[in-house]
Amino acid sequence: MHNNLSQYTFGDIVYIKTDQDQNKIMVTELRFSQGQCLYTVSNNGMNSECYNYELTDKADENTKLGL
Protein backbone atom coordinates (compact mmCIF):
# COMPACT_ATOMS: atom_id res chain seq x y z
CA MET A 1 0.00 0.00 0.00
CA HIS A 2 1.33 3.43 -0.95
CA ASN A 3 0.90 6.34 1.47
CA ASN A 4 1.37 9.84 0.13
CA LEU A 5 3.31 11.68 2.83
CA SER A 6 3.74 14.95 0.97
CA GLN A 7 1.17 17.70 0.95
CA TYR A 8 3.10 19.58 -1.76
CA THR A 9 5.11 18.51 -4.78
CA PHE A 10 7.88 19.81 -7.05
CA GLY A 11 7.19 23.28 -8.42
CA ASP A 12 4.39 24.14 -5.99
CA ILE A 13 4.37 27.74 -4.76
CA VAL A 14 4.11 27.88 -0.97
CA TYR A 15 4.73 30.25 1.94
CA ILE A 16 6.56 29.70 5.20
CA LYS A 17 4.01 30.42 7.93
CA THR A 18 6.48 32.37 10.08
CA ASP A 19 7.96 34.47 7.24
CA GLN A 20 7.01 38.07 8.03
CA ASP A 21 7.32 39.07 4.36
CA GLN A 22 5.23 36.09 3.17
CA ASN A 23 7.44 35.68 0.10
CA LYS A 24 6.40 33.15 -2.53
CA ILE A 25 8.76 30.17 -2.52
CA MET A 26 8.96 27.08 -4.70
CA VAL A 27 9.24 23.46 -3.60
CA THR A 28 12.45 22.17 -5.20
CA GLU A 29 13.15 18.91 -3.35
CA LEU A 30 11.32 16.34 -1.25
CA ARG A 31 12.97 13.86 1.13
CA PHE A 32 11.15 11.13 2.99
CA SER A 33 12.36 9.65 6.25
CA GLN A 34 10.65 7.92 9.16
CA GLY A 35 7.13 8.75 8.00
CA GLN A 36 7.79 12.44 7.39
CA CYS A 37 8.46 14.60 4.37
CA LEU A 38 11.18 17.26 4.48
CA TYR A 39 10.85 19.91 1.78
CA THR A 40 13.59 22.06 0.31
CA VAL A 41 12.05 25.36 -0.79
CA SER A 42 13.82 28.06 -2.80
CA ASN A 43 13.47 31.77 -3.44
CA ASN A 44 16.04 33.99 -5.17
CA GLY A 45 18.85 31.47 -4.68
CA MET A 46 18.13 30.96 -0.98
CA ASN A 47 17.12 27.47 0.18
CA SER A 48 15.30 26.44 3.34
CA GLU A 49 14.26 23.06 4.69
CA CYS A 50 10.74 22.80 6.08
CA TYR A 51 8.19 20.26 7.27
CA ASN A 52 4.50 20.18 6.23
CA TYR A 53 3.37 22.05 9.34
CA GLU A 54 5.70 24.99 8.52
CA LEU A 55 4.25 25.59 5.05
CA THR A 56 0.98 26.83 3.60
CA ASP A 57 -0.30 27.46 0.09
CA LYS A 58 -1.98 30.75 1.09
CA ALA A 59 -0.22 33.94 2.13
CA ASP A 60 -1.11 35.15 5.64
CA GLU A 61 -1.83 38.87 5.27
CA ASN A 62 -1.88 39.34 9.06
CA THR A 63 1.69 38.05 9.33
CA LYS A 64 2.72 40.26 6.42
CA LEU A 65 1.25 43.29 8.20
CA GLY A 66 2.98 42.37 11.48
CA LEU A 67 -0.25 41.52 13.30
PDB file of N, CA and C in Angstrom:
ATOM      1  N   MET A   1       0.846  -1.183   0.000  1.00  0.00           N
ATOM      2  CA  MET A   1       0.000   0.000   0.000  1.00  0.00           C
ATOM      3  C   MET A   1       0.883   1.236   0.000  1.00  0.00           C
ATOM      4  N   HIS A   2       0.565   2.189  -0.842  1.00  0.00           N
ATOM      5  CA  HIS A   2       1.331   3.432  -0.952  1.00  0.00           C
ATOM      6  C   HIS A   2       0.647   4.536  -0.155  1.00  0.00           C
ATOM      7  N   ASN A   3       1.410   5.190   0.710  1.00  0.00           N
ATOM      8  CA  ASN A   3       0.904   6.342   1.465  1.00  0.00           C
ATOM      9  C   ASN A   3       1.590   7.591   0.959  1.00  0.00           C
ATOM     10  N   ASN A   4       0.817   8.582   0.589  1.00  0.00           N
ATOM     11  CA  ASN A   4       1.369   9.839   0.127  1.00  0.00           C
ATOM     12  C   ASN A   4       1.646  10.713   1.345  1.00  0.00           C
ATOM     13  N   LEU A   5       2.924  10.923   1.649  1.00  0.00           N
ATOM     14  CA  LEU A   5       3.312  11.679   2.834  1.00  0.00           C
ATOM     15  C   LEU A   5       3.512  13.154   2.562  1.00  0.00           C
ATOM     16  N   SER A   6       3.475  13.543   1.284  1.00  0.00           N
ATOM     17  CA  SER A   6       3.742  14.950   0.967  1.00  0.00           C
ATOM     18  C   SER A   6       2.445  15.689   0.647  1.00  0.00           C
ATOM     19  N   GLN A   7       2.317  16.844   1.227  1.00  0.00           N
ATOM     20  CA  GLN A   7       1.170  17.703   0.949  1.00  0.00           C
ATOM     21  C   GLN A   7       1.424  18.525  -0.313  1.00  0.00           C
ATOM     22  N   TYR A   8       2.697  18.782  -0.608  1.00  0.00           N
ATOM     23  CA  TYR A   8       3.099  19.582  -1.762  1.00  0.00           C
ATOM     24  C   TYR A   8       4.025  18.761  -2.641  1.00  0.00           C
ATOM     25  N   THR A   9       4.234  19.216  -3.870  1.00  0.00           N
ATOM     26  CA  THR A   9       5.110  18.507  -4.783  1.00  0.00           C
ATOM     27  C   THR A   9       6.025  19.496  -5.504  1.00  0.00           C
ATOM     28  N   PHE A  10       6.916  18.978  -6.332  1.00  0.00           N
ATOM     29  CA  PHE A  10       7.879  19.810  -7.052  1.00  0.00           C
ATOM     30  C   PHE A  10       7.185  20.936  -7.820  1.00  0.00           C
ATOM     31  N   GLY A  11       7.707  22.139  -7.675  1.00  0.00           N
ATOM     32  CA  GLY A  11       7.186  23.275  -8.420  1.00  0.00           C
ATOM     33  C   GLY A  11       6.033  24.005  -7.762  1.00  0.00           C
ATOM     34  N   ASP A  12       5.477  23.452  -6.690  1.00  0.00           N
ATOM     35  CA  ASP A  12       4.389  24.140  -5.990  1.00  0.00           C
ATOM     36  C   ASP A  12       4.898  25.435  -5.377  1.00  0.00           C
ATOM     37  N   ILE A  13       4.064  26.461  -5.418  1.00  0.00           N
ATOM     38  CA  ILE A  13       4.366  27.738  -4.763  1.00  0.00           C
ATOM     39  C   ILE A  13       3.737  27.703  -3.379  1.00  0.00           C
ATOM     40  N   VAL A  14       4.563  27.936  -2.363  1.00  0.00           N
ATOM     41  CA  VAL A  14       4.112  27.885  -0.974  1.00  0.00           C
ATOM     42  C   VAL A  14       4.671  29.090  -0.214  1.00  0.00           C
ATOM     43  N   TYR A  15       4.260  29.197   1.037  1.00  0.00           N
ATOM     44  CA  TYR A  15       4.731  30.254   1.935  1.00  0.00           C
ATOM     45  C   TYR A  15       5.154  29.604   3.242  1.00  0.00           C
ATOM     46  N   ILE A  16       6.189  30.144   3.864  1.00  0.00           N
ATOM     47  CA  ILE A  16       6.563  29.701   5.204  1.00  0.00           C
ATOM     48  C   ILE A  16       5.698  30.487   6.192  1.00  0.00           C
ATOM     49  N   LYS A  17       4.990  29.785   7.034  1.00  0.00           N
ATOM     50  CA  LYS A  17       4.015  30.417   7.928  1.00  0.00           C
ATOM     51  C   LYS A  17       4.614  31.524   8.784  1.00  0.00           C
ATOM     52  N   THR A  18       5.869  31.389   9.192  1.00  0.00           N
ATOM     53  CA  THR A  18       6.482  32.375  10.085  1.00  0.00           C
ATOM     54  C   THR A  18       7.249  33.471   9.352  1.00  0.00           C
ATOM     55  N   ASP A  19       7.264  33.445   8.023  1.00  0.00           N
ATOM     56  CA  ASP A  19       7.957  34.466   7.236  1.00  0.00           C
ATOM     57  C   ASP A  19       7.162  35.771   7.281  1.00  0.00           C
ATOM     58  N   GLN A  20       7.724  36.797   7.896  1.00  0.00           N
ATOM     59  CA  GLN A  20       7.011  38.073   8.033  1.00  0.00           C
ATOM     60  C   GLN A  20       6.710  38.724   6.700  1.00  0.00           C
ATOM     61  N   ASP A  21       7.540  38.478   5.680  1.00  0.00           N
ATOM     62  CA  ASP A  21       7.316  39.067   4.360  1.00  0.00           C
ATOM     63  C   ASP A  21       6.365  38.239   3.506  1.00  0.00           C
ATOM     64  N   GLN A  22       6.095  37.001   3.910  1.00  0.00           N
ATOM     65  CA  GLN A  22       5.231  36.091   3.172  1.00  0.00           C
ATOM     66  C   GLN A  22       5.627  36.004   1.696  1.00  0.00           C
ATOM     67  N   ASN A  23       6.924  35.820   1.458  1.00  0.00           N
ATOM     68  CA  ASN A  23       7.436  35.677   0.098  1.00  0.00           C
ATOM     69  C   ASN A  23       6.995  34.352  -0.507  1.00  0.00           C
ATOM     70  N   LYS A  24       6.697  34.379  -1.811  1.00  0.00           N
ATOM     71  CA  LYS A  24       6.398  33.146  -2.527  1.00  0.00           C
ATOM     72  C   LYS A  24       7.686  32.350  -2.665  1.00  0.00           C
ATOM     73  N   ILE A  25       7.611  31.050  -2.360  1.00  0.00           N
ATOM     74  CA  ILE A  25       8.765  30.169  -2.516  1.00  0.00           C
ATOM     75  C   ILE A  25       8.323  28.905  -3.244  1.00  0.00           C
ATOM     76  N   MET A  26       9.276  28.256  -3.901  1.00  0.00           N
ATOM     77  CA  MET A  26       8.959  27.075  -4.702  1.00  0.00           C
ATOM     78  C   MET A  26       9.546  25.820  -4.059  1.00  0.00           C
ATOM     79  N   VAL A  27       8.759  24.756  -4.069  1.00  0.00           N
ATOM     80  CA  VAL A  27       9.242  23.460  -3.600  1.00  0.00           C
ATOM     81  C   VAL A  27      10.192  22.909  -4.663  1.00  0.00           C
ATOM     82  N   THR A  28      11.440  22.633  -4.252  1.00  0.00           N
ATOM     83  CA  THR A  28      12.447  22.165  -5.205  1.00  0.00           C
ATOM     84  C   THR A  28      12.965  20.765  -4.895  1.00  0.00           C
ATOM     85  N   GLU A  29      12.678  20.260  -3.704  1.00  0.00           N
ATOM     86  CA  GLU A  29      13.147  18.911  -3.349  1.00  0.00           C
ATOM     87  C   GLU A  29      12.264  18.346  -2.253  1.00  0.00           C
ATOM     88  N   LEU A  30      12.049  17.049  -2.297  1.00  0.00           N
ATOM     89  CA  LEU A  30      11.325  16.337  -1.254  1.00  0.00           C
ATOM     90  C   LEU A  30      12.187  15.182  -0.781  1.00  0.00           C
ATOM     91  N   ARG A  31      12.261  14.997   0.545  1.00  0.00           N
ATOM     92  CA  ARG A  31      12.972  13.863   1.129  1.00  0.00           C
ATOM     93  C   ARG A  31      12.054  13.198   2.146  1.00  0.00           C
ATOM     94  N   PHE A  32      12.019  11.895   2.095  1.00  0.00           N
ATOM     95  CA  PHE A  32      11.154  11.128   2.987  1.00  0.00           C
ATOM     96  C   PHE A  32      11.996  10.321   3.953  1.00  0.00           C
ATOM     97  N   SER A  33      11.638  10.400   5.233  1.00  0.00           N
ATOM     98  CA  SER A  33      12.358   9.647   6.252  1.00  0.00           C
ATOM     99  C   SER A  33      11.457   9.453   7.461  1.00  0.00           C
ATOM    100  N   GLN A  34      11.378   8.253   7.938  1.00  0.00           N
ATOM    101  CA  GLN A  34      10.651   7.921   9.162  1.00  0.00           C
ATOM    102  C   GLN A  34       9.234   8.483   9.170  1.00  0.00           C
ATOM    103  N   GLY A  35       8.529   8.345   8.069  1.00  0.00           N
ATOM    104  CA  GLY A  35       7.132   8.753   8.002  1.00  0.00           C
ATOM    105  C   GLY A  35       6.897  10.238   7.849  1.00  0.00           C
ATOM    106  N   GLN A  36       7.934  10.996   7.567  1.00  0.00           N
ATOM    107  CA  GLN A  36       7.786  12.444   7.394  1.00  0.00           C
ATOM    108  C   GLN A  36       8.389  12.880   6.066  1.00  0.00           C
ATOM    109  N   CYS A  37       7.911  14.014   5.581  1.00  0.00           N
ATOM    110  CA  CYS A  37       8.461  14.604   4.368  1.00  0.00           C
ATOM    111  C   CYS A  37       9.175  15.897   4.737  1.00  0.00           C
ATOM    112  N   LEU A  38      10.409  16.033   4.291  1.00  0.00           N
ATOM    113  CA  LEU A  38      11.179  17.261   4.482  1.00  0.00           C
ATOM    114  C   LEU A  38      11.296  17.927   3.116  1.00  0.00           C
ATOM    115  N   TYR A  39      10.848  19.159   3.023  1.00  0.00           N
ATOM    116  CA  TYR A  39      10.853  19.915   1.777  1.00  0.00           C
ATOM    117  C   TYR A  39      12.046  20.850   1.724  1.00  0.00           C
ATOM    118  N   THR A  40      12.665  20.966   0.572  1.00  0.00           N
ATOM    119  CA  THR A  40      13.586  22.061   0.312  1.00  0.00           C
ATOM    120  C   THR A  40      12.806  23.049  -0.534  1.00  0.00           C
ATOM    121  N   VAL A  41      12.762  24.296  -0.070  1.00  0.00           N
ATOM    122  CA  VAL A  41      12.055  25.356  -0.794  1.00  0.00           C
ATOM    123  C   VAL A  41      13.062  26.445  -1.149  1.00  0.00           C
ATOM    124  N   SER A  42      12.845  27.098  -2.289  1.00  0.00           N
ATOM    125  CA  SER A  42      13.822  28.061  -2.801  1.00  0.00           C
ATOM    126  C   SER A  42      13.152  29.358  -3.231  1.00  0.00           C
ATOM    127  N   ASN A  43      13.901  30.443  -3.002  1.00  0.00           N
ATOM    128  CA  ASN A  43      13.469  31.770  -3.440  1.00  0.00           C
ATOM    129  C   ASN A  43      14.715  32.616  -3.643  1.00  0.00           C
ATOM    130  N   ASN A  44      14.915  33.109  -4.853  1.00  0.00           N
ATOM    131  CA  ASN A  44      16.044  33.985  -5.172  1.00  0.00           C
ATOM    132  C   ASN A  44      17.390  33.397  -4.743  1.00  0.00           C
ATOM    133  N   GLY A  45      17.590  32.112  -4.989  1.00  0.00           N
ATOM    134  CA  GLY A  45      18.854  31.469  -4.682  1.00  0.00           C
ATOM    135  C   GLY A  45      19.036  31.049  -3.232  1.00  0.00           C
ATOM    136  N   MET A  46      18.072  31.351  -2.386  1.00  0.00           N
ATOM    137  CA  MET A  46      18.135  30.960  -0.979  1.00  0.00           C
ATOM    138  C   MET A  46      17.279  29.709  -0.778  1.00  0.00           C
ATOM    139  N   ASN A  47      17.831  28.714  -0.090  1.00  0.00           N
ATOM    140  CA  ASN A  47      17.118  27.468   0.184  1.00  0.00           C
ATOM    141  C   ASN A  47      16.823  27.343   1.666  1.00  0.00           C
ATOM    142  N   SER A  48      15.677  26.753   1.960  1.00  0.00           N
ATOM    143  CA  SER A  48      15.299  26.444   3.337  1.00  0.00           C
ATOM    144  C   SER A  48      14.731  25.041   3.360  1.00  0.00           C
ATOM    145  N   GLU A  49      14.865  24.376   4.500  1.00  0.00           N
ATOM    146  CA  GLU A  49      14.261  23.063   4.689  1.00  0.00           C
ATOM    147  C   GLU A  49      13.103  23.210   5.662  1.00  0.00           C
ATOM    148  N   CYS A  50      11.956  22.636   5.298  1.00  0.00           N
ATOM    149  CA  CYS A  50      10.739  22.802   6.084  1.00  0.00           C
ATOM    150  C   CYS A  50       9.936  21.504   6.114  1.00  0.00           C
ATOM    151  N   TYR A  51       9.153  21.350   7.163  1.00  0.00           N
ATOM    152  CA  TYR A  51       8.192  20.256   7.267  1.00  0.00           C
ATOM    153  C   TYR A  51       6.813  20.764   6.862  1.00  0.00           C
ATOM    154  N   ASN A  52       5.869  19.824   6.640  1.00  0.00           N
ATOM    155  CA  ASN A  52       4.502  20.183   6.235  1.00  0.00           C
ATOM    156  C   ASN A  52       3.902  21.280   7.102  1.00  0.00           C
ATOM    157  N   TYR A  53       4.036  21.124   8.411  1.00  0.00           N
ATOM    158  CA  TYR A  53       3.373  22.048   9.337  1.00  0.00           C
ATOM    159  C   TYR A  53       3.939  23.467   9.289  1.00  0.00           C
ATOM    160  N   GLU A  54       5.093  23.663   8.630  1.00  0.00           N
ATOM    161  CA  GLU A  54       5.695  24.994   8.524  1.00  0.00           C
ATOM    162  C   GLU A  54       5.267  25.731   7.259  1.00  0.00           C
ATOM    163  N   LEU A  55       4.588  25.028   6.354  1.00  0.00           N
ATOM    164  CA  LEU A  55       4.252  25.594   5.053  1.00  0.00           C
ATOM    165  C   LEU A  55       2.748  25.748   4.877  1.00  0.00           C
ATOM    166  N   THR A  56       2.381  26.651   3.986  1.00  0.00           N
ATOM    167  CA  THR A  56       0.984  26.829   3.597  1.00  0.00           C
ATOM    168  C   THR A  56       0.955  27.256   2.138  1.00  0.00           C
ATOM    169  N   ASP A  57      -0.181  27.040   1.489  1.00  0.00           N
ATOM    170  CA  ASP A  57      -0.301  27.462   0.086  1.00  0.00           C
ATOM    171  C   ASP A  57      -1.017  28.802  -0.048  1.00  0.00           C
ATOM    172  N   LYS A  58      -1.317  29.430   1.092  1.00  0.00           N
ATOM    173  CA  LYS A  58      -1.977  30.747   1.089  1.00  0.00           C
ATOM    174  C   LYS A  58      -1.162  31.733   1.930  1.00  0.00           C
ATOM    175  N   ALA A  59      -0.937  32.905   1.385  1.00  0.00           N
ATOM    176  CA  ALA A  59      -0.215  33.940   2.133  1.00  0.00           C
ATOM    177  C   ALA A  59      -1.069  34.399   3.314  1.00  0.00           C
ATOM    178  N   ASP A  60      -0.434  34.659   4.438  1.00  0.00           N
ATOM    179  CA  ASP A  60      -1.111  35.154   5.638  1.00  0.00           C
ATOM    180  C   ASP A  60      -0.915  36.669   5.682  1.00  0.00           C
ATOM    181  N   GLU A  61      -1.931  37.404   5.312  1.00  0.00           N
ATOM    182  CA  GLU A  61      -1.828  38.868   5.267  1.00  0.00           C
ATOM    183  C   GLU A  61      -1.588  39.471   6.644  1.00  0.00           C
ATOM    184  N   ASN A  62      -2.108  38.838   7.699  1.00  0.00           N
ATOM    185  CA  ASN A  62      -1.880  39.342   9.057  1.00  0.00           C
ATOM    186  C   ASN A  62      -0.404  39.280   9.426  1.00  0.00           C
ATOM    187  N   THR A  63       0.258  38.184   9.067  1.00  0.00           N
ATOM    188  CA  THR A  63       1.687  38.047   9.330  1.00  0.00           C
ATOM    189  C   THR A  63       2.445  39.098   8.533  1.00  0.00           C
ATOM    190  N   LYS A  64       2.053  39.285   7.292  1.00  0.00           N
ATOM    191  CA  LYS A  64       2.722  40.260   6.417  1.00  0.00           C
ATOM    192  C   LYS A  64       2.605  41.668   6.980  1.00  0.00           C
ATOM    193  N   LEU A  65       1.489  41.973   7.621  1.00  0.00           N
ATOM    194  CA  LEU A  65       1.253  43.294   8.202  1.00  0.00           C
ATOM    195  C   LEU A  65       1.824  43.416   9.613  1.00  0.00           C
ATOM    196  N   GLY A  66       2.390  42.329  10.135  1.00  0.00           N
ATOM    197  CA  GLY A  66       2.980  42.372  11.476  1.00  0.00           C
ATOM    198  C   GLY A  66       1.971  42.232  12.581  1.00  0.00           C
ATOM    199  N   LEU A  67       0.805  41.682  12.287  1.00  0.00           N
ATOM    200  CA  LEU A  67      -0.249  41.520  13.300  1.00  0.00           C
ATOM    201  C   LEU A  67      -0.198  40.155  13.924  1.00  0.00           C
TER     202      LEU A  67
END
